[in-house]
Amino acid sequence: MSYTPVAADVAKLRNQTGAGMMDCKKALVEAEGDFEKAVDILRKKGQKVAANRADRESAEGAVIARVNEDNTLGVVISLNCETDFVAKNEAFIELAYEFAEMAIFAATKEELLATDFHGMTVAEKLIEQTGVIGEKIEIGAFERIEGPFLGAYIHAGNKIAAITALSAKVDGADEAAKSVSMQVAAMNPIALDETRVSQETIDKELEIERELLIKEGKPENIIENILKGKMQKFYKDNTLVHQSFIKDGSLSVADYVKSVNADLKVTGFVRISLA
């Protein structure tokens, strides 16, 4: 005689997995009432969906930044999906926050994926949710940062998030770190300062500017001096500490931080964006 699941079991399975009522009912029938087996069946369904969607773009999602209790270690992760509809779902965003909290204790994305999540790994939870939601769900980017004092900023809509490291925990550091993280989110600097810009980037910029100056007919003997000025402007526009502070254009970011405390410096930052 075939097994017919009771409504309470279907509801219990649905609450645990988030799968649809009919999917839960079918899984229980296939598992002949074995609840754990039914959970496995739903996971396997998710795994099949994940495989079928492996080449699908998961460019939507939520970016979350979290910092530990003493503000010395932080992570930014993205939980990616395929559509904005899913990205805005409250349960999806809540899951992204849960993963971000767990990520504080992981050194790498691989370590996060192997972390226990209520009896399964994060990787298994992602497979399960892929089956439940019907979209490819994955941890996209993972950035970790340490420093004497960290502050985070998540832009409205959860599409961009950043964490900034400051050189010391001083009065006003909390607001300063958040404000600079907002700067990082908005202005997307390529490096902390000119010493952190890759030689490849510098060489490419010099090549472009040199060709423009030659086309303009500038004499060879003054091109090198002009290039020095061009690179100074490039660093001002593209490196964090030299950028104009978005809340007060009369200050650079470095000057703003010094206004909080004369000895305070920005020591690093991380940023992830889906925008």
Protein backbone atom coordinates (compact mmCIF):
# COMPACT_ATOMS: atom_id res chain seq x y z
CA MET A 1 0.00 0.00 0.00
CA SER A 2 1.46 3.37 -1.00
CA TYR A 3 2.32 5.90 1.69
CA THR A 4 0.22 9.07 1.97
CA PRO A 5 1.91 11.84 3.96
CA VAL A 6 -0.02 13.70 6.64
CA ALA A 7 -0.31 17.48 6.39
CA ALA A 8 1.77 18.03 9.55
CA ASP A 9 4.76 16.18 8.06
CA VAL A 10 4.49 18.10 4.80
CA ALA A 11 4.39 21.39 6.73
CA LYS A 12 7.37 20.33 8.89
CA LEU A 13 9.44 19.44 5.84
CA ARG A 14 8.48 22.68 4.15
CA ASN A 15 9.46 24.73 7.20
CA GLN A 16 12.85 23.04 7.46
CA THR A 17 13.76 23.17 3.79
CA GLY A 18 11.77 26.06 2.37
CA ALA A 19 10.67 23.83 -0.52
CA GLY A 20 7.18 24.07 -1.99
CA MET A 21 4.26 22.06 -0.56
CA MET A 22 3.96 19.74 -3.57
CA ASP A 23 7.73 19.14 -3.70
CA CYS A 24 7.68 18.23 -0.01
CA LYS A 25 4.70 15.93 -0.46
CA LYS A 26 6.34 14.15 -3.41
CA ALA A 27 9.61 13.77 -1.47
CA LEU A 28 7.80 12.21 1.50
CA VAL A 29 5.93 9.82 -0.79
CA GLU A 30 9.18 8.79 -2.49
CA ALA A 31 10.84 8.39 0.92
CA GLU A 32 7.83 6.40 2.18
CA GLY A 33 7.53 8.67 5.20
CA ASP A 34 11.21 8.69 6.17
CA PHE A 35 11.70 12.36 7.04
CA GLU A 36 15.52 12.44 6.80
CA LYS A 37 15.41 10.58 3.51
CA ALA A 38 12.87 13.10 2.22
CA VAL A 39 15.25 15.92 3.15
CA ASP A 40 18.00 14.15 1.20
CA ILE A 41 15.70 13.74 -1.80
CA LEU A 42 15.02 17.48 -1.81
CA ARG A 43 18.75 18.19 -1.54
CA LYS A 44 19.42 15.87 -4.47
CA LYS A 45 16.78 17.72 -6.43
CA GLY A 46 18.63 20.92 -5.61
CA GLN A 47 21.90 19.36 -6.71
CA LYS A 48 20.39 18.42 -10.05
CA VAL A 49 19.06 21.95 -10.53
CA ALA A 50 22.46 23.37 -9.58
CA ALA A 51 24.16 21.21 -12.21
CA ASN A 52 21.64 22.20 -14.87
CA ARG A 53 22.18 25.87 -14.07
CA ALA A 54 25.97 25.78 -13.68
CA ASP A 55 26.44 27.95 -16.74
CA ARG A 56 23.74 30.45 -15.79
CA GLU A 57 24.72 33.97 -14.73
CA SER A 58 24.21 34.72 -11.03
CA ALA A 59 24.99 38.43 -11.17
CA GLU A 60 22.20 39.54 -8.85
CA GLY A 61 22.24 39.02 -5.10
CA ALA A 62 23.14 40.65 -1.81
CA VAL A 63 26.49 41.97 -0.60
CA ILE A 64 26.96 41.94 3.17
CA ALA A 65 29.81 43.29 5.33
CA ARG A 66 30.31 42.11 8.91
CA VAL A 67 32.90 43.04 11.55
CA ASN A 68 33.70 41.09 14.73
CA GLU A 69 32.90 42.40 18.22
CA ASP A 70 36.24 44.10 18.84
CA ASN A 71 36.36 45.63 15.34
CA THR A 72 39.64 43.96 14.39
CA LEU A 73 38.48 41.46 11.74
CA GLY A 74 35.89 41.76 9.03
CA VAL A 75 34.53 40.09 5.91
CA VAL A 76 32.50 41.12 2.90
CA ILE A 77 30.69 38.41 0.95
CA SER A 78 28.21 38.29 -1.88
CA LEU A 79 25.39 35.76 -1.99
CA ASN A 80 24.59 35.60 -5.69
CA CYS A 81 21.42 34.63 -7.51
CA GLU A 82 20.02 35.10 -11.02
CA THR A 83 17.20 37.62 -10.61
CA ASP A 84 16.59 40.84 -8.73
CA PHE A 85 13.26 39.38 -7.57
CA VAL A 86 15.07 36.74 -5.50
CA ALA A 87 17.78 39.21 -4.40
CA LYS A 88 15.15 41.41 -2.76
CA ASN A 89 13.44 38.51 -0.98
CA GLU A 90 13.60 38.91 2.81
CA ALA A 91 14.51 35.26 3.42
CA PHE A 92 17.34 35.46 0.84
CA ILE A 93 18.80 38.58 2.47
CA GLU A 94 18.48 36.98 5.92
CA LEU A 95 20.40 33.95 4.63
CA ALA A 96 23.12 36.25 3.25
CA TYR A 97 23.49 37.86 6.69
CA GLU A 98 23.73 34.42 8.34
CA PHE A 99 26.48 33.38 5.94
CA ALA A 100 28.33 36.66 6.53
CA GLU A 101 28.25 36.14 10.31
CA MET A 102 29.73 32.67 9.81
CA ALA A 103 32.32 34.03 7.36
CA ILE A 104 33.97 36.04 10.15
CA PHE A 105 35.32 32.73 11.45
CA ALA A 106 36.50 31.48 8.04
CA ALA A 107 39.87 32.32 6.51
CA THR A 108 38.79 31.59 2.92
CA LYS A 109 35.65 31.09 0.85
CA GLU A 110 36.43 27.36 0.71
CA GLU A 111 36.53 27.24 4.50
CA LEU A 112 33.18 29.04 4.67
CA LEU A 113 31.63 26.56 2.23
CA ALA A 114 32.79 23.69 4.45
CA THR A 115 31.40 25.29 7.63
CA ASP A 116 28.51 23.59 9.44
CA PHE A 117 25.12 25.23 8.86
CA HIS A 118 22.46 23.65 11.07
CA GLY A 119 23.52 20.09 10.32
CA MET A 120 24.72 20.55 6.75
CA THR A 121 27.59 22.46 5.21
CA VAL A 122 27.15 25.93 3.72
CA ALA A 123 27.87 24.37 0.31
CA GLU A 124 25.04 21.86 0.84
CA LYS A 125 22.70 24.64 1.97
CA LEU A 126 23.44 26.51 -1.26
CA ILE A 127 22.60 23.40 -3.29
CA GLU A 128 19.40 22.93 -1.30
CA GLN A 129 18.36 26.54 -1.84
CA THR A 130 19.12 26.27 -5.55
CA GLY A 131 16.54 23.48 -5.67
CA VAL A 132 14.06 25.36 -3.48
CA ILE A 133 14.27 28.68 -5.31
CA GLY A 134 14.91 27.36 -8.80
CA GLU A 135 17.84 29.69 -9.41
CA LYS A 136 21.59 29.22 -9.18
CA ILE A 137 22.55 30.36 -5.67
CA GLU A 138 26.22 30.67 -4.73
CA ILE A 139 28.75 32.53 -2.62
CA GLY A 140 30.33 34.83 -5.18
CA ALA A 141 33.01 37.09 -3.78
CA PHE A 142 34.73 36.73 -0.39
CA GLU A 143 37.03 39.42 1.03
CA ARG A 144 38.65 39.34 4.48
CA ILE A 145 40.48 42.15 6.27
CA GLU A 146 42.19 42.65 9.63
CA GLY A 147 43.36 45.83 11.34
CA PRO A 148 43.57 47.80 14.61
CA PHE A 149 40.06 49.18 14.04
CA LEU A 150 37.53 48.34 11.32
CA GLY A 151 34.29 49.92 10.22
CA ALA A 152 31.78 48.74 7.62
CA TYR A 153 29.22 50.24 5.27
CA ILE A 154 26.49 48.49 3.26
CA HIS A 155 24.88 50.61 0.57
CA ALA A 156 21.08 50.68 0.40
CA GLY A 157 19.84 47.74 -1.64
CA ASN A 158 22.72 45.47 -0.57
CA LYS A 159 24.53 45.79 -3.92
CA ILE A 160 27.78 47.32 -2.61
CA ALA A 161 29.57 46.93 0.71
CA ALA A 162 32.98 47.96 2.05
CA ILE A 163 35.14 47.72 5.16
CA THR A 164 37.91 50.17 6.05
CA ALA A 165 40.84 49.57 8.43
CA LEU A 166 42.19 52.42 10.55
CA SER A 167 45.51 52.51 12.37
CA ALA A 168 44.09 52.82 15.90
CA LYS A 169 40.96 52.68 18.03
CA VAL A 170 40.48 56.32 19.04
CA ASP A 171 37.56 58.60 19.83
CA GLY A 172 35.64 59.08 16.61
CA ALA A 173 37.14 56.04 14.91
CA ASP A 174 33.76 54.36 14.54
CA GLU A 175 32.25 57.22 12.55
CA ALA A 176 35.48 57.78 10.61
CA ALA A 177 35.75 54.14 9.53
CA LYS A 178 32.12 54.08 8.44
CA SER A 179 32.50 57.36 6.52
CA VAL A 180 35.62 56.17 4.72
CA SER A 181 33.90 52.87 3.92
CA MET A 182 31.10 54.92 2.37
CA GLN A 183 33.78 56.68 0.30
CA VAL A 184 35.17 53.30 -0.81
CA ALA A 185 31.68 52.11 -1.79
CA ALA A 186 30.89 55.27 -3.76
CA MET A 187 34.24 56.06 -5.39
CA ASN A 188 35.71 52.57 -5.93
CA PRO A 189 39.42 53.41 -5.47
CA ILE A 190 41.87 51.05 -7.16
CA ALA A 191 44.34 51.10 -4.25
CA LEU A 192 45.04 52.62 -0.84
CA ASP A 193 47.77 54.97 -2.12
CA GLU A 194 50.29 55.27 -4.98
CA THR A 195 52.59 52.64 -3.44
CA ARG A 196 49.84 50.01 -3.75
CA VAL A 197 49.06 50.61 -7.42
CA SER A 198 50.37 47.76 -9.56
CA GLN A 199 53.26 48.47 -11.92
CA GLU A 200 51.15 47.09 -14.76
CA THR A 201 48.48 49.74 -14.10
CA ILE A 202 51.09 52.52 -13.88
CA ASP A 203 52.81 51.42 -17.11
CA LYS A 204 49.49 51.26 -18.95
CA GLU A 205 48.47 54.73 -17.75
CA LEU A 206 51.85 56.21 -18.70
CA GLU A 207 51.66 54.63 -22.14
CA ILE A 208 48.21 56.07 -22.80
CA GLU A 209 49.13 59.56 -21.59
CA ARG A 210 52.44 59.56 -23.48
CA GLU A 211 50.74 58.69 -26.77
CA LEU A 212 48.19 61.47 -26.23
CA LEU A 213 50.94 64.02 -25.54
CA ILE A 214 52.87 62.95 -28.67
CA LYS A 215 49.69 63.31 -30.77
CA GLU A 216 49.22 66.78 -29.29
CA GLY A 217 52.70 67.66 -30.55
CA LYS A 218 54.29 68.21 -27.14
CA PRO A 219 58.12 68.41 -27.32
CA GLU A 220 59.88 65.23 -26.20
CA ASN A 221 61.98 67.10 -23.62
CA ILE A 222 58.93 68.22 -21.59
CA ILE A 223 56.75 65.10 -21.93
CA GLU A 224 58.33 63.38 -18.90
CA ASN A 225 57.59 66.36 -16.65
CA ILE A 226 54.01 66.54 -17.91
CA LEU A 227 53.62 62.82 -17.25
CA LYS A 228 54.62 63.31 -13.61
CA GLY A 229 51.77 65.78 -13.21
CA LYS A 230 49.35 63.46 -15.03
CA MET A 231 50.22 60.60 -12.69
CA GLN A 232 49.74 62.78 -9.62
CA LYS A 233 46.22 63.54 -10.84
CA PHE A 234 45.68 59.84 -11.56
CA TYR A 235 46.64 58.95 -7.98
CA LYS A 236 44.42 61.73 -6.61
CA ASP A 237 41.42 60.44 -8.53
CA ASN A 238 41.99 56.74 -8.04
CA THR A 239 43.71 56.05 -4.70
CA LEU A 240 41.69 56.20 -1.52
CA VAL A 241 43.77 58.43 0.74
CA HIS A 242 44.30 61.04 -1.99
CA GLN A 243 40.69 61.19 -3.20
CA SER A 244 38.55 64.20 -2.31
CA PHE A 245 36.42 63.27 0.67
CA ILE A 246 32.80 62.89 -0.50
CA LYS A 247 31.39 64.59 2.62
CA ASP A 248 33.74 67.57 2.35
CA GLY A 249 35.45 68.19 -0.98
CA SER A 250 37.93 70.61 0.60
CA LEU A 251 39.62 67.65 2.32
CA SER A 252 41.34 64.54 1.03
CA VAL A 253 40.39 61.28 2.74
CA ALA A 254 43.77 61.31 4.52
CA ASP A 255 43.11 64.88 5.75
CA TYR A 256 39.63 63.92 6.96
CA VAL A 257 41.02 61.02 9.00
CA LYS A 258 43.70 63.30 10.48
CA SER A 259 40.98 65.75 11.50
CA VAL A 260 39.54 62.99 13.71
CA ASN A 261 42.94 62.28 15.26
CA ALA A 262 46.30 63.71 14.15
CA ASP A 263 47.98 60.29 14.22
CA LEU A 264 45.14 58.34 12.59
CA LYS A 265 45.67 56.74 9.16
CA VAL A 266 43.78 54.49 6.79
CA THR A 267 45.65 51.19 6.55
CA GLY A 268 43.48 49.16 4.19
CA PHE A 269 40.07 48.48 2.68
CA VAL A 270 38.01 45.83 0.89
CA ARG A 271 35.02 46.32 -1.39
CA ILE A 272 32.55 44.08 -3.22
CA SER A 273 29.99 45.29 -5.71
CA LEU A 274 27.22 43.69 -7.76
CA ALA A 275 26.12 47.07 -9.14
